PDB file of N, CA and C in Angstrom:
ATOM      1  N   MET A   1      -0.062  -0.392 -20.913  1.00  0.00           N
ATOM      2  CA  MET A   1      -0.213  -0.398 -22.354  1.00  0.00           C
ATOM      3  C   MET A   1       1.087   0.078 -22.992  1.00  0.00           C
ATOM      4  N   ARG A   2       1.544  -0.640 -23.951  1.00  0.00           N
ATOM      5  CA  ARG A   2       2.793  -0.282 -24.619  1.00  0.00           C
ATOM      6  C   ARG A   2       2.592   0.826 -25.629  1.00  0.00           C
ATOM      7  N   THR A   3       3.607   1.633 -25.790  1.00  0.00           N
ATOM      8  CA  THR A   3       3.600   2.677 -26.803  1.00  0.00           C
ATOM      9  C   THR A   3       3.763   2.020 -28.170  1.00  0.00           C
ATOM     10  N   ARG A   4       2.918   2.399 -29.100  1.00  0.00           N
ATOM     11  CA  ARG A   4       3.057   1.851 -30.453  1.00  0.00           C
ATOM     12  C   ARG A   4       4.335   2.397 -31.083  1.00  0.00           C
ATOM     13  N   LEU A   5       5.018   1.566 -31.829  1.00  0.00           N
ATOM     14  CA  LEU A   5       6.286   1.956 -32.439  1.00  0.00           C
ATOM     15  C   LEU A   5       6.105   3.146 -33.381  1.00  0.00           C
ATOM     16  N   SER A   6       4.993   3.195 -34.110  1.00  0.00           N
ATOM     17  CA  SER A   6       4.759   4.315 -35.028  1.00  0.00           C
ATOM     18  C   SER A   6       4.610   5.633 -34.267  1.00  0.00           C
ATOM     19  N   ILE A   7       4.019   5.583 -33.080  1.00  0.00           N
ATOM     20  CA  ILE A   7       3.886   6.785 -32.254  1.00  0.00           C
ATOM     21  C   ILE A   7       5.255   7.206 -31.725  1.00  0.00           C
ATOM     22  N   CYS A   8       6.020   6.236 -31.250  1.00  0.00           N
ATOM     23  CA  CYS A   8       7.354   6.513 -30.713  1.00  0.00           C
ATOM     24  C   CYS A   8       8.233   7.206 -31.749  1.00  0.00           C
ATOM     25  N   ARG A   9       8.190   6.739 -32.965  1.00  0.00           N
ATOM     26  CA  ARG A   9       9.045   7.306 -34.017  1.00  0.00           C
ATOM     27  C   ARG A   9       8.679   8.735 -34.378  1.00  0.00           C
ATOM     28  N   ARG A  10       7.402   9.116 -34.192  1.00  0.00           N
ATOM     29  CA  ARG A  10       6.964  10.463 -34.537  1.00  0.00           C
ATOM     30  C   ARG A  10       7.236  11.483 -33.450  1.00  0.00           C
ATOM     31  N   LYS A  11       7.426  11.044 -32.223  1.00  0.00           N
ATOM     32  CA  LYS A  11       7.610  11.960 -31.106  1.00  0.00           C
ATOM     33  C   LYS A  11       9.078  12.336 -30.920  1.00  0.00           C
ATOM     34  N   ALA A  12       9.268  13.522 -30.359  1.00  0.00           N
ATOM     35  CA  ALA A  12      10.624  13.939 -29.997  1.00  0.00           C
ATOM     36  C   ALA A  12      11.071  13.100 -28.809  1.00  0.00           C
ATOM     37  N   ALA A  13      12.314  12.687 -28.814  1.00  0.00           N
ATOM     38  CA  ALA A  13      12.864  11.869 -27.726  1.00  0.00           C
ATOM     39  C   ALA A  13      13.884  12.696 -26.945  1.00  0.00           C
ATOM     40  N   TYR A  14      13.856  12.533 -25.623  1.00  0.00           N
ATOM     41  CA  TYR A  14      14.769  13.250 -24.741  1.00  0.00           C
ATOM     42  C   TYR A  14      15.552  12.236 -23.919  1.00  0.00           C
ATOM     43  N   ALA A  15      16.807  12.551 -23.641  1.00  0.00           N
ATOM     44  CA  ALA A  15      17.693  11.616 -22.947  1.00  0.00           C
ATOM     45  C   ALA A  15      17.365  11.490 -21.466  1.00  0.00           C
ATOM     46  N   SER A  16      16.775  12.527 -20.871  1.00  0.00           N
ATOM     47  CA  SER A  16      16.482  12.477 -19.436  1.00  0.00           C
ATOM     48  C   SER A  16      15.116  13.082 -19.151  1.00  0.00           C
ATOM     49  N   ALA A  17      14.582  12.749 -17.992  1.00  0.00           N
ATOM     50  CA  ALA A  17      13.300  13.306 -17.571  1.00  0.00           C
ATOM     51  C   ALA A  17      13.422  14.813 -17.356  1.00  0.00           C
ATOM     52  N   ALA A  18      14.555  15.249 -16.845  1.00  0.00           N
ATOM     53  CA  ALA A  18      14.774  16.677 -16.600  1.00  0.00           C
ATOM     54  C   ALA A  18      14.753  17.478 -17.899  1.00  0.00           C
ATOM     55  N   GLU A  19      15.369  16.930 -18.934  1.00  0.00           N
ATOM     56  CA  GLU A  19      15.379  17.592 -20.234  1.00  0.00           C
ATOM     57  C   GLU A  19      13.963  17.678 -20.804  1.00  0.00           C
ATOM     58  N   ALA A  20      13.226  16.593 -20.700  1.00  0.00           N
ATOM     59  CA  ALA A  20      11.841  16.574 -21.184  1.00  0.00           C
ATOM     60  C   ALA A  20      10.978  17.556 -20.396  1.00  0.00           C
ATOM     61  N   MET A  21      11.181  17.611 -19.089  1.00  0.00           N
ATOM     62  CA  MET A  21      10.405  18.519 -18.250  1.00  0.00           C
ATOM     63  C   MET A  21      10.694  19.972 -18.600  1.00  0.00           C
ATOM     64  N   ALA A  22      11.939  20.296 -18.898  1.00  0.00           N
ATOM     65  CA  ALA A  22      12.293  21.666 -19.273  1.00  0.00           C
ATOM     66  C   ALA A  22      11.574  22.071 -20.558  1.00  0.00           C
ATOM     67  N   VAL A  23      11.514  21.181 -21.508  1.00  0.00           N
ATOM     68  CA  VAL A  23      10.811  21.455 -22.769  1.00  0.00           C
ATOM     69  C   VAL A  23       9.313  21.604 -22.513  1.00  0.00           C
ATOM     70  N   ALA A  24       8.759  20.749 -21.652  1.00  0.00           N
ATOM     71  CA  ALA A  24       7.335  20.808 -21.332  1.00  0.00           C
ATOM     72  C   ALA A  24       6.976  22.139 -20.680  1.00  0.00           C
ATOM     73  N   GLN A  25       7.791  22.597 -19.747  1.00  0.00           N
ATOM     74  CA  GLN A  25       7.514  23.857 -19.058  1.00  0.00           C
ATOM     75  C   GLN A  25       7.663  25.043 -20.001  1.00  0.00           C
ATOM     76  N   ALA A  26       8.595  24.978 -20.927  1.00  0.00           N
ATOM     77  CA  ALA A  26       8.807  26.074 -21.873  1.00  0.00           C
ATOM     78  C   ALA A  26       7.684  26.159 -22.904  1.00  0.00           C
ATOM     79  N   SER A  27       6.966  25.070 -23.121  1.00  0.00           N
ATOM     80  CA  SER A  27       5.930  25.049 -24.151  1.00  0.00           C
ATOM     81  C   SER A  27       4.683  25.831 -23.749  1.00  0.00           C
ATOM     82  N   GLY A  28       4.447  25.953 -22.441  1.00  0.00           N
ATOM     83  CA  GLY A  28       3.248  26.637 -21.989  1.00  0.00           C
ATOM     84  C   GLY A  28       2.007  25.757 -22.008  1.00  0.00           C
ATOM     85  N   LEU A  29       2.143  24.511 -22.406  1.00  0.00           N
ATOM     86  CA  LEU A  29       1.045  23.551 -22.421  1.00  0.00           C
ATOM     87  C   LEU A  29       1.149  22.630 -21.219  1.00  0.00           C
ATOM     88  N   ILE A  30       0.080  21.928 -20.912  1.00  0.00           N
ATOM     89  CA  ILE A  30       0.118  20.951 -19.824  1.00  0.00           C
ATOM     90  C   ILE A  30       0.622  19.636 -20.412  1.00  0.00           C
ATOM     91  N   LEU A  31       1.898  19.374 -20.222  1.00  0.00           N
ATOM     92  CA  LEU A  31       2.541  18.166 -20.730  1.00  0.00           C
ATOM     93  C   LEU A  31       3.275  17.486 -19.593  1.00  0.00           C
ATOM     94  N   ARG A  32       3.402  16.171 -19.689  1.00  0.00           N
ATOM     95  CA  ARG A  32       4.184  15.458 -18.684  1.00  0.00           C
ATOM     96  C   ARG A  32       5.094  14.455 -19.394  1.00  0.00           C
ATOM     97  N   PRO A  33       6.288  14.247 -18.859  1.00  0.00           N
ATOM     98  CA  PRO A  33       7.212  13.296 -19.461  1.00  0.00           C
ATOM     99  C   PRO A  33       6.883  11.865 -19.042  1.00  0.00           C
ATOM    100  N   TYR A  34       7.217  10.921 -19.904  1.00  0.00           N
ATOM    101  CA  TYR A  34       7.100   9.504 -19.566  1.00  0.00           C
ATOM    102  C   TYR A  34       8.219   8.747 -20.255  1.00  0.00           C
ATOM    103  N   LYS A  35       8.653   7.675 -19.639  1.00  0.00           N
ATOM    104  CA  LYS A  35       9.716   6.846 -20.206  1.00  0.00           C
ATOM    105  C   LYS A  35       9.085   5.863 -21.187  1.00  0.00           C
ATOM    106  N   CYS A  36       9.563   5.868 -22.402  1.00  0.00           N
ATOM    107  CA  CYS A  36       9.026   5.017 -23.469  1.00  0.00           C
ATOM    108  C   CYS A  36       9.542   3.585 -23.306  1.00  0.00           C
ATOM    109  N   ASP A  37       8.633   2.631 -23.414  1.00  0.00           N
ATOM    110  CA  ASP A  37       9.039   1.232 -23.292  1.00  0.00           C
ATOM    111  C   ASP A  37       9.599   0.677 -24.599  1.00  0.00           C
ATOM    112  N   ARG A  38       9.569   1.465 -25.670  1.00  0.00           N
ATOM    113  CA  ARG A  38      10.131   1.033 -26.950  1.00  0.00           C
ATOM    114  C   ARG A  38      11.583   1.479 -27.113  1.00  0.00           C
ATOM    115  N   CYS A  39      11.806   2.792 -26.974  1.00  0.00           N
ATOM    116  CA  CYS A  39      13.145   3.335 -27.230  1.00  0.00           C
ATOM    117  C   CYS A  39      13.926   3.614 -25.949  1.00  0.00           C
ATOM    118  N   LEU A  40      13.267   3.491 -24.793  1.00  0.00           N
ATOM    119  CA  LEU A  40      13.869   3.717 -23.478  1.00  0.00           C
ATOM    120  C   LEU A  40      14.340   5.153 -23.268  1.00  0.00           C
ATOM    121  N   GLN A  41      13.796   6.072 -24.063  1.00  0.00           N
ATOM    122  CA  GLN A  41      14.057   7.494 -23.851  1.00  0.00           C
ATOM    123  C   GLN A  41      12.776   8.131 -23.337  1.00  0.00           C
ATOM    124  N   TRP A  42      12.767   9.439 -23.173  1.00  0.00           N
ATOM    125  CA  TRP A  42      11.625  10.156 -22.609  1.00  0.00           C
ATOM    126  C   TRP A  42      10.872  10.895 -23.697  1.00  0.00           C
ATOM    127  N   HIS A  43       9.551  10.849 -23.645  1.00  0.00           N
ATOM    128  CA  HIS A  43       8.672  11.584 -24.544  1.00  0.00           C
ATOM    129  C   HIS A  43       7.758  12.450 -23.694  1.00  0.00           C
ATOM    130  N   LEU A  44       6.972  13.313 -24.351  1.00  0.00           N
ATOM    131  CA  LEU A  44       5.990  14.136 -23.663  1.00  0.00           C
ATOM    132  C   LEU A  44       4.590  13.724 -24.089  1.00  0.00           C
ATOM    133  N   THR A  45       3.665  13.789 -23.150  1.00  0.00           N
ATOM    134  CA  THR A  45       2.264  13.495 -23.443  1.00  0.00           C
ATOM    135  C   THR A  45       1.376  14.502 -22.748  1.00  0.00           C
ATOM    136  N   SER A  46       0.197  14.708 -23.336  1.00  0.00           N
ATOM    137  CA  SER A  46      -0.803  15.564 -22.697  1.00  0.00           C
ATOM    138  C   SER A  46      -1.905  14.717 -22.079  1.00  0.00           C
ATOM    139  N   ARG A  47      -1.852  13.420 -22.269  1.00  0.00           N
ATOM    140  CA  ARG A  47      -2.895  12.530 -21.756  1.00  0.00           C
ATOM    141  C   ARG A  47      -2.773  12.366 -20.246  1.00  0.00           C
ATOM    142  N   THR A  48      -3.914  12.442 -19.582  1.00  0.00           N
ATOM    143  CA  THR A  48      -3.936  12.251 -18.137  1.00  0.00           C
ATOM    144  C   THR A  48      -5.015  11.259 -17.719  1.00  0.00           C
ATOM    145  N   LYS A  49      -5.946  10.954 -18.593  1.00  0.00           N
ATOM    146  CA  LYS A  49      -7.050  10.063 -18.239  1.00  0.00           C
ATOM    147  C   LYS A  49      -6.517   8.671 -17.905  1.00  0.00           C
ATOM    148  N   GLY A  50      -6.897   8.184 -16.736  1.00  0.00           N
ATOM    149  CA  GLY A  50      -6.477   6.854 -16.323  1.00  0.00           C
ATOM    150  C   GLY A  50      -5.046   6.763 -15.834  1.00  0.00           C
ATOM    151  N   ARG A  51      -4.393   7.878 -15.698  1.00  0.00           N
ATOM    152  CA  ARG A  51      -2.995   7.893 -15.258  1.00  0.00           C
ATOM    153  C   ARG A  51      -2.914   8.477 -13.852  1.00  0.00           C
ATOM    154  N   ARG A  52      -1.954   8.007 -13.090  1.00  0.00           N
ATOM    155  CA  ARG A  52      -1.704   8.616 -11.791  1.00  0.00           C
ATOM    156  C   ARG A  52      -0.995   9.939 -11.987  1.00  0.00           C
ATOM    157  N   VAL A  53      -1.376  10.924 -11.215  1.00  0.00           N
ATOM    158  CA  VAL A  53      -0.734  12.235 -11.292  1.00  0.00           C
ATOM    159  C   VAL A  53       0.545  12.172 -10.471  1.00  0.00           C
ATOM    160  N   PRO A  54       1.698  12.488 -11.066  1.00  0.00           N
ATOM    161  CA  PRO A  54       2.964  12.453 -10.324  1.00  0.00           C
ATOM    162  C   PRO A  54       2.950  13.403  -9.134  1.00  0.00           C
ATOM    163  N   LEU A  55       3.714  13.080  -8.124  1.00  0.00           N
ATOM    164  CA  LEU A  55       3.771  13.864  -6.896  1.00  0.00           C
ATOM    165  C   LEU A  55       4.140  15.311  -7.162  1.00  0.00           C
ATOM    166  N   TRP A  56       5.085  15.557  -8.063  1.00  0.00           N
ATOM    167  CA  TRP A  56       5.520  16.925  -8.311  1.00  0.00           C
ATOM    168  C   TRP A  56       4.408  17.769  -8.924  1.00  0.00           C
ATOM    169  N   GLU A  57       3.402  17.148  -9.553  1.00  0.00           N
ATOM    170  CA  GLU A  57       2.271  17.900 -10.085  1.00  0.00           C
ATOM    171  C   GLU A  57       1.226  18.175  -9.013  1.00  0.00           C
ATOM    172  N   ARG A  58       1.202  17.356  -7.954  1.00  0.00           N
ATOM    173  CA  ARG A  58       0.214  17.525  -6.887  1.00  0.00           C
ATOM    174  C   ARG A  58       0.664  18.538  -5.842  1.00  0.00           C
ATOM    175  N   LEU A  59       1.969  18.748  -5.719  1.00  0.00           N
ATOM    176  CA  LEU A  59       2.484  19.667  -4.714  1.00  0.00           C
ATOM    177  C   LEU A  59       2.325  21.107  -5.166  1.00  0.00           C
ATOM    178  N   PRO A  60       1.993  22.026  -4.247  1.00  0.00           N
ATOM    179  CA  PRO A  60       1.892  23.440  -4.625  1.00  0.00           C
ATOM    180  C   PRO A  60       3.271  24.016  -4.926  1.00  0.00           C
ATOM    181  N   LEU A  61       3.301  25.008  -5.783  1.00  0.00           N
ATOM    182  CA  LEU A  61       4.560  25.666  -6.135  1.00  0.00           C
ATOM    183  C   LEU A  61       5.006  26.553  -4.984  1.00  0.00           C
ATOM    184  N   PRO A  62       6.328  26.646  -4.736  1.00  0.00           N
ATOM    185  CA  PRO A  62       6.833  27.489  -3.634  1.00  0.00           C
ATOM    186  C   PRO A  62       6.695  28.961  -3.932  1.00  0.00           C
TER     187      PRO A  62
END
């Protein structure tokens, strides 16, 4: 499913997945980065329903 352009414009955009992940971890919320198919940058989402959980979220912390 494509990201709606109106949603893309309202969200903060990050140049890299690492930058988005740093912001997500600092927020204290459960957020995950995704690459936007509209602007080709990274956004954050809290949605998980119907999505595959990335490997780094499934692995236990050291």
